[in-house]
Amino acid sequence: MEFGASIFFTDYSISAAELAVALEERGFDSVWAAEHSHIPVPRRTRADTELEKKYYDVMDPFVTLTAAACATKTLKVATGIALVIQRDTIQTAKSVASIDQVSGGRFLFGIGGGWNQEEIENHATEFATRMLKMREQIEAMKEIWTKSKPEYHGEIVKFDTMMTWPKPVQKPHPPVILGGAFPWAARRAVRYGDGWYPNASSGNPEEYIPAFRKMAQEAGRDPSSLSLRLGGAPDDADKLKRFRDIGVDAVNVTLPSDKRDDILPVLDRWVGHIRQLRG
């Protein structure tokens, strides 16, 4: 089982480089950076929910992950998750390929369709068709990453033949990990992803994990070819062992946007879980 850590990097949190080094030293496999471009005010979406300050303040994940990659040698760097439906397809494909080059092939492309309707619509994306757009964006990016003269003609994403480099180090491309709940995000992962990233607090993992593997098999995909990473992992070795035994490949601990002195004790506590589960 692999272990990662997810965080909203801000100008008042531990820095990306500091956290990446601390994770690598303690045996973690990856660091995952969240994304929100902004939070509209006022908003209708979840208007009765007071969002934590980090949602307004989170830094761009490709910038922070580049700092993390440059400070480490083996740690994987991942978007957790990138709101691709709010990003330009061609430019994002270049950003992914570039960070995969800078990191020496250590990038994981965690993606999602988002939940904040006003934020999404501020980027000129139709909320109702955002999932179609996301699928087409990924299909188009795969063309860009793997072809010398790519082109793509979908319902929403369209471009004629072009030339663009660099291409990613990882072949055919960095893993595309779909974030979100069962069954919706799981279906997308099976259709065009390389893995699925649900949250432990969303439903019962002991029910939906076997269901996901069955879903993949019924769709004609090898279930073992799709990674399954559980976010919001509990600080409980027994539960982590149960998750591992039912097919979870990796877990992520969710870290607060705090300073180094508050984060390191959390990581030190997880070192025990890492050692125990890896024998």
C-alpha atoms as a PDB file:
ATOM      1  CA  MET A   1       0.000   0.000   0.000  1.00  0.00           C
ATOM      2  CA  GLU A   2       1.188   3.497  -0.884  1.00  0.00           C
ATOM      3  CA  PHE A   3       0.760   6.553   1.332  1.00  0.00           C
ATOM      4  CA  GLY A   4       0.221  10.126   0.231  1.00  0.00           C
ATOM      5  CA  ALA A   5      -0.706  13.435   1.801  1.00  0.00           C
ATOM      6  CA  SER A   6      -3.133  16.009   0.430  1.00  0.00           C
ATOM      7  CA  ILE A   7      -3.170  19.683   1.336  1.00  0.00           C
ATOM      8  CA  PHE A   8      -4.360  23.151   0.324  1.00  0.00           C
ATOM      9  CA  PHE A   9      -1.049  25.014  -0.044  1.00  0.00           C
ATOM     10  CA  THR A  10      -1.431  28.659   0.971  1.00  0.00           C
ATOM     11  CA  ASP A  11       0.890  31.542   1.836  1.00  0.00           C
ATOM     12  CA  TYR A  12       0.415  30.694   5.529  1.00  0.00           C
ATOM     13  CA  SER A  13       0.763  26.883   5.341  1.00  0.00           C
ATOM     14  CA  ILE A  14       3.911  24.797   5.370  1.00  0.00           C
ATOM     15  CA  SER A  15       5.670  25.409   2.057  1.00  0.00           C
ATOM     16  CA  ALA A  16       5.464  22.863  -0.732  1.00  0.00           C
ATOM     17  CA  ALA A  17       9.211  22.210  -0.642  1.00  0.00           C
ATOM     18  CA  GLU A  18       9.264  21.774   3.150  1.00  0.00           C
ATOM     19  CA  LEU A  19       6.343  19.359   3.113  1.00  0.00           C
ATOM     20  CA  ALA A  20       7.694  17.376   0.172  1.00  0.00           C
ATOM     21  CA  VAL A  21      11.056  16.834   1.862  1.00  0.00           C
ATOM     22  CA  ALA A  22       9.378  15.845   5.134  1.00  0.00           C
ATOM     23  CA  LEU A  23       7.142  13.346   3.339  1.00  0.00           C
ATOM     24  CA  GLU A  24       9.986  11.786   1.384  1.00  0.00           C
ATOM     25  CA  GLU A  25      12.110  11.436   4.541  1.00  0.00           C
ATOM     26  CA  ARG A  26       9.256   9.600   6.302  1.00  0.00           C
ATOM     27  CA  GLY A  27       8.483   7.103   3.577  1.00  0.00           C
ATOM     28  CA  PHE A  28       5.433   8.700   2.003  1.00  0.00           C
ATOM     29  CA  ASP A  29       5.008   8.149  -1.722  1.00  0.00           C
ATOM     30  CA  SER A  30       3.247  11.299  -2.905  1.00  0.00           C
ATOM     31  CA  VAL A  31       1.998  14.809  -2.186  1.00  0.00           C
ATOM     32  CA  TRP A  32      -1.353  16.030  -3.548  1.00  0.00           C
ATOM     33  CA  ALA A  33      -2.159  19.715  -4.056  1.00  0.00           C
ATOM     34  CA  ALA A  34      -5.745  20.983  -4.137  1.00  0.00           C
ATOM     35  CA  GLU A  35      -7.118  23.585  -6.540  1.00  0.00           C
ATOM     36  CA  HIS A  36      -9.668  26.400  -6.600  1.00  0.00           C
ATOM     37  CA  SER A  37      -9.095  29.446  -8.773  1.00  0.00           C
ATOM     38  CA  HIS A  38     -11.401  31.571  -6.577  1.00  0.00           C
ATOM     39  CA  ILE A  39     -14.649  31.421  -4.601  1.00  0.00           C
ATOM     40  CA  PRO A  40     -17.378  33.725  -5.952  1.00  0.00           C
ATOM     41  CA  VAL A  41     -19.103  36.045  -3.484  1.00  0.00           C
ATOM     42  CA  PRO A  42     -22.010  35.801  -3.162  1.00  0.00           C
ATOM     43  CA  ARG A  43     -22.667  32.235  -4.272  1.00  0.00           C
ATOM     44  CA  ARG A  44     -25.715  30.021  -4.569  1.00  0.00           C
ATOM     45  CA  THR A  45     -23.832  26.727  -4.465  1.00  0.00           C
ATOM     46  CA  ARG A  46     -23.693  25.489  -0.871  1.00  0.00           C
ATOM     47  CA  ALA A  47     -24.587  29.014   0.201  1.00  0.00           C
ATOM     48  CA  ASP A  48     -25.485  27.780   3.680  1.00  0.00           C
ATOM     49  CA  THR A  49     -22.006  26.261   4.152  1.00  0.00           C
ATOM     50  CA  GLU A  50     -19.193  28.403   5.506  1.00  0.00           C
ATOM     51  CA  LEU A  51     -16.082  27.406   3.589  1.00  0.00           C
ATOM     52  CA  GLU A  52     -12.733  27.288   5.325  1.00  0.00           C
ATOM     53  CA  LYS A  53     -10.384  30.148   4.499  1.00  0.00           C
ATOM     54  CA  LYS A  54      -8.066  27.807   2.579  1.00  0.00           C
ATOM     55  CA  TYR A  55     -10.652  27.538  -0.229  1.00  0.00           C
ATOM     56  CA  TYR A  56     -10.201  31.229  -0.968  1.00  0.00           C
ATOM     57  CA  ASP A  57      -6.437  31.212  -0.504  1.00  0.00           C
ATOM     58  CA  VAL A  58      -5.150  28.013  -2.136  1.00  0.00           C
ATOM     59  CA  MET A  59      -2.199  28.451  -4.510  1.00  0.00           C
ATOM     60  CA  ASP A  60      -1.948  27.144  -8.055  1.00  0.00           C
ATOM     61  CA  PRO A  61      -1.115  23.415  -7.836  1.00  0.00           C
ATOM     62  CA  PHE A  62       1.250  23.284 -10.813  1.00  0.00           C
ATOM     63  CA  VAL A  63       3.420  25.986  -9.224  1.00  0.00           C
ATOM     64  CA  THR A  64       3.541  24.417  -5.759  1.00  0.00           C
ATOM     65  CA  LEU A  65       4.074  20.910  -7.118  1.00  0.00           C
ATOM     66  CA  THR A  66       6.990  22.099  -9.232  1.00  0.00           C
ATOM     67  CA  ALA A  67       8.609  23.413  -6.037  1.00  0.00           C
ATOM     68  CA  ALA A  68       7.896  20.056  -4.372  1.00  0.00           C
ATOM     69  CA  ALA A  69       9.400  18.123  -7.280  1.00  0.00           C
ATOM     70  CA  CYS A  70      12.568  20.223  -7.322  1.00  0.00           C
ATOM     71  CA  ALA A  71      13.111  19.633  -3.597  1.00  0.00           C
ATOM     72  CA  THR A  72      12.830  15.827  -3.786  1.00  0.00           C
ATOM     73  CA  LYS A  73      14.108  12.833  -5.737  1.00  0.00           C
ATOM     74  CA  THR A  74      11.500  10.073  -5.528  1.00  0.00           C
ATOM     75  CA  LEU A  75       8.291  11.627  -4.187  1.00  0.00           C
ATOM     76  CA  LYS A  76       5.439  11.672  -6.685  1.00  0.00           C
ATOM     77  CA  VAL A  77       3.681  15.008  -7.142  1.00  0.00           C
ATOM     78  CA  ALA A  78      -0.038  15.057  -7.853  1.00  0.00           C
ATOM     79  CA  THR A  79      -2.959  17.385  -8.411  1.00  0.00           C
ATOM     80  CA  GLY A  80      -5.613  16.503  -5.899  1.00  0.00           C
ATOM     81  CA  ILE A  81      -7.618  17.516  -7.749  1.00  0.00           C
ATOM     82  CA  ALA A  82      -7.147  19.752 -10.797  1.00  0.00           C
ATOM     83  CA  LEU A  83     -10.367  21.380 -11.970  1.00  0.00           C
ATOM     84  CA  VAL A  84      -9.647  20.805 -15.642  1.00  0.00           C
ATOM     85  CA  ILE A  85     -13.076  22.082 -16.696  1.00  0.00           C
ATOM     86  CA  GLN A  86     -11.915  25.535 -15.543  1.00  0.00           C
ATOM     87  CA  ARG A  87      -8.654  25.304 -17.491  1.00  0.00           C
ATOM     88  CA  ASP A  88      -7.659  25.691 -21.120  1.00  0.00           C
ATOM     89  CA  THR A  89      -7.189  22.241 -22.632  1.00  0.00           C
ATOM     90  CA  ILE A  90      -4.101  22.890 -24.750  1.00  0.00           C
ATOM     91  CA  GLN A  91      -2.273  24.929 -22.108  1.00  0.00           C
ATOM     92  CA  THR A  92      -3.073  22.366 -19.384  1.00  0.00           C
ATOM     93  CA  ALA A  93      -1.715  19.569 -21.564  1.00  0.00           C
ATOM     94  CA  LYS A  94       1.536  21.552 -21.818  1.00  0.00           C
ATOM     95  CA  SER A  95       1.599  22.158 -18.042  1.00  0.00           C
ATOM     96  CA  VAL A  96       1.172  18.440 -17.356  1.00  0.00           C
ATOM     97  CA  ALA A  97       3.903  17.475 -19.816  1.00  0.00           C
ATOM     98  CA  SER A  98       6.201  20.184 -18.465  1.00  0.00           C
ATOM     99  CA  ILE A  99       5.887  19.187 -14.812  1.00  0.00           C
ATOM    100  CA  ASP A 100       6.325  15.541 -15.767  1.00  0.00           C
ATOM    101  CA  GLN A 101       9.577  16.559 -17.473  1.00  0.00           C
ATOM    102  CA  VAL A 102      10.738  18.719 -14.547  1.00  0.00           C
ATOM    103  CA  SER A 103       9.985  15.960 -12.041  1.00  0.00           C
ATOM    104  CA  GLY A 104      11.571  13.199 -14.104  1.00  0.00           C
ATOM    105  CA  GLY A 105       8.306  11.350 -14.638  1.00  0.00           C
ATOM    106  CA  ARG A 106       6.827  11.686 -11.137  1.00  0.00           C
ATOM    107  CA  PHE A 107       3.541  13.459 -11.912  1.00  0.00           C
ATOM    108  CA  LEU A 108       0.042  12.063 -11.206  1.00  0.00           C
ATOM    109  CA  PHE A 109      -2.822  13.929 -12.870  1.00  0.00           C
ATOM    110  CA  GLY A 110      -5.725  13.887 -10.411  1.00  0.00           C
ATOM    111  CA  ILE A 111      -8.766  15.533 -11.984  1.00  0.00           C
ATOM    112  CA  GLY A 112     -12.389  16.369 -11.218  1.00  0.00           C
ATOM    113  CA  GLY A 113     -15.400  18.243 -12.521  1.00  0.00           C
ATOM    114  CA  GLY A 114     -15.886  20.461  -9.495  1.00  0.00           C
ATOM    115  CA  TRP A 115     -18.966  21.364  -7.441  1.00  0.00           C
ATOM    116  CA  ASN A 116     -19.042  25.176  -7.269  1.00  0.00           C
ATOM    117  CA  GLN A 117     -21.355  26.239 -10.092  1.00  0.00           C
ATOM    118  CA  GLU A 118     -20.533  29.947  -9.895  1.00  0.00           C
ATOM    119  CA  GLU A 119     -16.781  29.310  -9.901  1.00  0.00           C
ATOM    120  CA  ILE A 120     -17.112  27.008 -12.902  1.00  0.00           C
ATOM    121  CA  GLU A 121     -19.334  29.412 -14.855  1.00  0.00           C
ATOM    122  CA  ASN A 122     -16.887  32.278 -14.230  1.00  0.00           C
ATOM    123  CA  HIS A 123     -14.541  30.300 -16.494  1.00  0.00           C
ATOM    124  CA  ALA A 124     -17.162  30.214 -19.287  1.00  0.00           C
ATOM    125  CA  THR A 125     -17.903  26.525 -18.711  1.00  0.00           C
ATOM    126  CA  GLU A 126     -21.501  25.307 -18.780  1.00  0.00           C
ATOM    127  CA  PHE A 127     -22.199  23.592 -15.463  1.00  0.00           C
ATOM    128  CA  ALA A 128     -24.642  21.068 -16.959  1.00  0.00           C
ATOM    129  CA  THR A 129     -22.177  19.785 -19.561  1.00  0.00           C
ATOM    130  CA  ARG A 130     -18.965  20.046 -17.542  1.00  0.00           C
ATOM    131  CA  MET A 131     -18.486  16.271 -17.320  1.00  0.00           C
ATOM    132  CA  LEU A 132     -18.753  15.889 -21.087  1.00  0.00           C
ATOM    133  CA  LYS A 133     -16.222  18.687 -21.417  1.00  0.00           C
ATOM    134  CA  MET A 134     -13.867  16.984 -18.948  1.00  0.00           C
ATOM    135  CA  ARG A 135     -13.960  13.695 -20.860  1.00  0.00           C
ATOM    136  CA  GLU A 136     -13.279  15.459 -24.130  1.00  0.00           C
ATOM    137  CA  GLN A 137     -10.473  17.494 -22.552  1.00  0.00           C
ATOM    138  CA  ILE A 138      -8.717  14.341 -21.358  1.00  0.00           C
ATOM    139  CA  GLU A 139      -9.215  12.604 -24.686  1.00  0.00           C
ATOM    140  CA  ALA A 140      -7.766  15.672 -26.413  1.00  0.00           C
ATOM    141  CA  MET A 141      -4.829  15.879 -23.993  1.00  0.00           C
ATOM    142  CA  LYS A 142      -3.987  12.235 -24.651  1.00  0.00           C
ATOM    143  CA  GLU A 143      -3.769  13.089 -28.338  1.00  0.00           C
ATOM    144  CA  ILE A 144      -1.475  16.015 -27.547  1.00  0.00           C
ATOM    145  CA  TRP A 145       0.741  13.930 -25.267  1.00  0.00           C
ATOM    146  CA  THR A 146       1.116  10.991 -27.648  1.00  0.00           C
ATOM    147  CA  LYS A 147       0.949  12.357 -31.203  1.00  0.00           C
ATOM    148  CA  SER A 148       3.426  14.515 -33.121  1.00  0.00           C
ATOM    149  CA  LYS A 149       0.591  16.264 -34.962  1.00  0.00           C
ATOM    150  CA  PRO A 150      -2.507  15.917 -32.765  1.00  0.00           C
ATOM    151  CA  GLU A 151      -6.015  17.073 -33.560  1.00  0.00           C
ATOM    152  CA  TYR A 152      -9.341  16.642 -31.787  1.00  0.00           C
ATOM    153  CA  HIS A 153     -12.932  17.284 -32.798  1.00  0.00           C
ATOM    154  CA  GLY A 154     -15.473  16.784 -30.025  1.00  0.00           C
ATOM    155  CA  GLU A 155     -18.763  18.426 -29.175  1.00  0.00           C
ATOM    156  CA  ILE A 156     -17.126  21.014 -26.904  1.00  0.00           C
ATOM    157  CA  VAL A 157     -13.344  20.641 -27.298  1.00  0.00           C
ATOM    158  CA  LYS A 158     -12.138  21.164 -30.856  1.00  0.00           C
ATOM    159  CA  PHE A 159      -8.823  21.942 -32.538  1.00  0.00           C
ATOM    160  CA  ASP A 160      -7.159  21.196 -35.854  1.00  0.00           C
ATOM    161  CA  THR A 161      -3.735  19.657 -36.376  1.00  0.00           C
ATOM    162  CA  MET A 162      -1.001  21.268 -34.291  1.00  0.00           C
ATOM    163  CA  MET A 163       2.553  20.772 -33.122  1.00  0.00           C
ATOM    164  CA  THR A 164       3.357  21.151 -29.429  1.00  0.00           C
ATOM    165  CA  TRP A 165       6.090  19.921 -27.094  1.00  0.00           C
ATOM    166  CA  PRO A 166       7.324  18.793 -24.620  1.00  0.00           C
ATOM    167  CA  LYS A 167       5.790  15.352 -24.412  1.00  0.00           C
ATOM    168  CA  PRO A 168       5.568  13.691 -20.968  1.00  0.00           C
ATOM    169  CA  VAL A 169       8.348  11.452 -19.654  1.00  0.00           C
ATOM    170  CA  GLN A 170       5.829   8.794 -18.632  1.00  0.00           C
ATOM    171  CA  LYS A 171       4.506   6.755 -21.528  1.00  0.00           C
ATOM    172  CA  PRO A 172       1.982   6.948 -22.925  1.00  0.00           C
ATOM    173  CA  HIS A 173       1.229   9.772 -20.448  1.00  0.00           C
ATOM    174  CA  PRO A 174       1.026  10.457 -16.675  1.00  0.00           C
ATOM    175  CA  PRO A 175      -1.718   8.485 -14.912  1.00  0.00           C
ATOM    176  CA  VAL A 176      -5.110  10.210 -15.041  1.00  0.00           C
ATOM    177  CA  ILE A 177      -6.842   9.724 -11.683  1.00  0.00           C
ATOM    178  CA  LEU A 178     -10.550  10.558 -11.407  1.00  0.00           C
ATOM    179  CA  GLY A 179     -11.557  12.119  -8.097  1.00  0.00           C
ATOM    180  CA  GLY A 180     -15.099  11.834  -6.774  1.00  0.00           C
ATOM    181  CA  ALA A 181     -17.772   9.603  -5.308  1.00  0.00           C
ATOM    182  CA  PHE A 182     -19.245   6.256  -6.319  1.00  0.00           C
ATOM    183  CA  PRO A 183     -20.716   5.481  -8.787  1.00  0.00           C
ATOM    184  CA  TRP A 184     -20.286   8.612 -10.948  1.00  0.00           C
ATOM    185  CA  ALA A 185     -16.546   9.217 -10.707  1.00  0.00           C
ATOM    186  CA  ALA A 186     -15.925   5.471 -10.669  1.00  0.00           C
ATOM    187  CA  ARG A 187     -17.660   5.164 -14.051  1.00  0.00           C
ATOM    188  CA  ARG A 188     -15.518   7.968 -15.466  1.00  0.00           C
ATOM    189  CA  ALA A 189     -12.358   6.298 -14.155  1.00  0.00           C
ATOM    190  CA  VAL A 190     -13.322   3.061 -15.881  1.00  0.00           C
ATOM    191  CA  ARG A 191     -14.196   4.856 -19.123  1.00  0.00           C
ATOM    192  CA  TYR A 192     -11.123   7.036 -19.611  1.00  0.00           C
ATOM    193  CA  GLY A 193      -8.954   7.046 -16.482  1.00  0.00           C
ATOM    194  CA  ASP A 194      -6.071   5.129 -14.994  1.00  0.00           C
ATOM    195  CA  GLY A 195      -7.359   5.180 -11.431  1.00  0.00           C
ATOM    196  CA  TRP A 196     -10.059   6.340  -9.034  1.00  0.00           C
ATOM    197  CA  TYR A 197      -9.722   8.616  -5.987  1.00  0.00           C
ATOM    198  CA  PRO A 198     -12.813   8.561  -3.710  1.00  0.00           C
ATOM    199  CA  ASN A 199     -13.003   9.899  -0.156  1.00  0.00           C
ATOM    200  CA  ALA A 200     -13.281   7.507   2.773  1.00  0.00           C
ATOM    201  CA  SER A 201     -16.084   9.615   4.279  1.00  0.00           C
ATOM    202  CA  SER A 202     -18.262   9.338   1.159  1.00  0.00           C
ATOM    203  CA  GLY A 203     -20.221   6.096   1.454  1.00  0.00           C
ATOM    204  CA  ASN A 204     -18.921   2.764   2.704  1.00  0.00           C
ATOM    205  CA  PRO A 205     -15.552   1.796   1.175  1.00  0.00           C
ATOM    206  CA  GLU A 206     -16.117  -1.854   2.044  1.00  0.00           C
ATOM    207  CA  GLU A 207     -19.116  -1.811  -0.290  1.00  0.00           C
ATOM    208  CA  TYR A 208     -18.058   0.442  -3.150  1.00  0.00           C
ATOM    209  CA  ILE A 209     -14.480  -0.800  -3.549  1.00  0.00           C
ATOM    210  CA  PRO A 210     -15.505  -4.337  -4.616  1.00  0.00           C
ATOM    211  CA  ALA A 211     -18.274  -2.754  -6.711  1.00  0.00           C
ATOM    212  CA  PHE A 212     -15.705  -0.604  -8.519  1.00  0.00           C
ATOM    213  CA  ARG A 213     -13.542  -3.605  -9.350  1.00  0.00           C
ATOM    214  CA  LYS A 214     -16.609  -5.447 -10.661  1.00  0.00           C
ATOM    215  CA  MET A 215     -17.625  -2.387 -12.699  1.00  0.00           C
ATOM    216  CA  ALA A 216     -14.214  -2.331 -14.365  1.00  0.00           C
ATOM    217  CA  GLN A 217     -14.354  -6.023 -15.181  1.00  0.00           C
ATOM    218  CA  GLU A 218     -17.836  -5.735 -16.689  1.00  0.00           C
ATOM    219  CA  ALA A 219     -16.597  -2.862 -18.865  1.00  0.00           C
ATOM    220  CA  GLY A 220     -13.823  -5.039 -20.257  1.00  0.00           C
ATOM    221  CA  ARG A 221     -11.000  -3.456 -18.305  1.00  0.00           C
ATOM    222  CA  ASP A 222      -8.512  -5.297 -16.151  1.00  0.00           C
ATOM    223  CA  PRO A 223      -9.458  -4.231 -12.594  1.00  0.00           C
ATOM    224  CA  SER A 224      -5.825  -4.457 -11.503  1.00  0.00           C
ATOM    225  CA  SER A 225      -4.844  -1.871 -14.143  1.00  0.00           C
ATOM    226  CA  LEU A 226      -6.870   0.812 -12.346  1.00  0.00           C
ATOM    227  CA  SER A 227      -5.368   2.200  -9.149  1.00  0.00           C
ATOM    228  CA  LEU A 228      -7.658   2.908  -6.205  1.00  0.00           C
ATOM    229  CA  ARG A 229      -6.532   5.620  -3.794  1.00  0.00           C
ATOM    230  CA  LEU A 230      -8.681   6.447  -0.765  1.00  0.00           C
ATOM    231  CA  GLY A 231      -8.668  10.079   0.332  1.00  0.00           C
ATOM    232  CA  GLY A 232      -9.394  11.289   3.846  1.00  0.00           C
ATOM    233  CA  ALA A 233      -7.836   8.119   5.246  1.00  0.00           C
ATOM    234  CA  PRO A 234      -8.559   7.426   8.922  1.00  0.00           C
ATOM    235  CA  ASP A 235      -5.751   7.612  11.479  1.00  0.00           C
ATOM    236  CA  ASP A 236      -6.445   3.984  12.409  1.00  0.00           C
ATOM    237  CA  ALA A 237      -4.098   1.121  11.518  1.00  0.00           C
ATOM    238  CA  ASP A 238      -6.809  -1.552  11.787  1.00  0.00           C
ATOM    239  CA  LYS A 239      -9.100   0.275   9.340  1.00  0.00           C
ATOM    240  CA  LEU A 240      -6.205   0.882   6.979  1.00  0.00           C
ATOM    241  CA  LYS A 241      -5.412  -2.844   7.010  1.00  0.00           C
ATOM    242  CA  ARG A 242      -9.041  -3.671   6.177  1.00  0.00           C
ATOM    243  CA  PHE A 243      -8.966  -1.224   3.280  1.00  0.00           C
ATOM    244  CA  ARG A 244      -5.747  -2.760   1.990  1.00  0.00           C
ATOM    245  CA  ASP A 245      -7.208  -6.250   2.224  1.00  0.00           C
ATOM    246  CA  ILE A 246     -10.283  -5.349   0.165  1.00  0.00           C
ATOM    247  CA  GLY A 247      -8.279  -3.811  -2.653  1.00  0.00           C
ATOM    248  CA  VAL A 248      -7.196  -0.272  -1.782  1.00  0.00           C
ATOM    249  CA  ASP A 249      -3.832   0.425  -3.410  1.00  0.00           C
ATOM    250  CA  ALA A 250      -3.075   3.711  -1.659  1.00  0.00           C
ATOM    251  CA  VAL A 251      -4.401   6.111   0.972  1.00  0.00           C
ATOM    252  CA  ASN A 252      -4.036   9.847   1.483  1.00  0.00           C
ATOM    253  CA  VAL A 253      -3.988  11.609   4.825  1.00  0.00           C
ATOM    254  CA  THR A 254      -5.647  15.030   4.670  1.00  0.00           C
ATOM    255  CA  LEU A 255      -3.438  17.719   6.176  1.00  0.00           C
ATOM    256  CA  PRO A 256      -4.572  21.134   7.434  1.00  0.00           C
ATOM    257  CA  SER A 257      -3.095  24.297   5.915  1.00  0.00           C
ATOM    258  CA  ASP A 258      -0.864  24.778   8.963  1.00  0.00           C
ATOM    259  CA  LYS A 259       2.758  25.590   9.599  1.00  0.00           C
ATOM    260  CA  ARG A 260       5.620  23.104   9.781  1.00  0.00           C
ATOM    261  CA  ASP A 261       5.539  22.733  13.583  1.00  0.00           C
ATOM    262  CA  ASP A 262       1.905  21.602  13.462  1.00  0.00           C
ATOM    263  CA  ILE A 263       2.246  19.349  10.416  1.00  0.00           C
ATOM    264  CA  LEU A 264       5.368  17.347  11.309  1.00  0.00           C
ATOM    265  CA  PRO A 265       3.871  15.643  14.408  1.00  0.00           C
ATOM    266  CA  VAL A 266       0.988  14.426  12.230  1.00  0.00           C
ATOM    267  CA  LEU A 267       3.416  12.953   9.722  1.00  0.00           C
ATOM    268  CA  ASP A 268       5.481  11.355  12.484  1.00  0.00           C
ATOM    269  CA  ARG A 269       2.361   9.626  13.794  1.00  0.00           C
ATOM    270  CA  TRP A 270       1.639   8.222  10.334  1.00  0.00           C
ATOM    271  CA  VAL A 271       5.151   6.769  10.066  1.00  0.00           C
ATOM    272  CA  GLY A 272       3.965   4.039  12.434  1.00  0.00           C
ATOM    273  CA  HIS A 273       1.085   3.158  10.103  1.00  0.00           C
ATOM    274  CA  ILE A 274       3.408   3.075   7.097  1.00  0.00           C
ATOM    275  CA  ARG A 275       5.829   0.719   8.804  1.00  0.00           C
ATOM    276  CA  GLN A 276       3.066  -1.512  10.136  1.00  0.00           C
ATOM    277  CA  LEU A 277       1.245  -1.919   6.836  1.00  0.00           C
ATOM    278  CA  ARG A 278       4.404  -2.466   4.847  1.00  0.00           C
ATOM    279  CA  GLY A 279       5.700  -5.058   7.283  1.00  0.00           C
END
